[in-house]
Amino acid sequence: MRYLALGSAVDMSFPGRTREEAAALGRAEARRAWELYQAGILREASFRADVHRSILFLEAPDEAAARAALDSLPFVKAGILTFEVIGLIPYDGWARLFAPEA
């Protein structure tokens, strides 16, 4: 099933971390996202144009698996980022194109 994950920053100031630690955490975040992409779980990653907020599309067997993948991200583990997870289903309106006219 496909899931939309909307990221919200809890505190992007990286509290209690040095600049070097914050940079290392950012690299670890990108590395883990790449691993999820390579595994076929993370399908797409973007930012909103109006605010710096992450938008992820995930493919997972269920919501628990999608959340587990997100929970494996270093920013989530560190309490810096949270995600709202929304399950998606295919659009079924295309069928109207092929339905017999009344």
Foldseek 3Di string as FASTA:
>chain_A
DKKKKKKDFPALVLPPDDPVRSVVLVVQQVVLLVVCVVVQFWVDWDADPVDGIIITMGDDPDPVVNVVSVCPGSCNVSVGMDIDMDDDDDDPVVVVVVDDDD
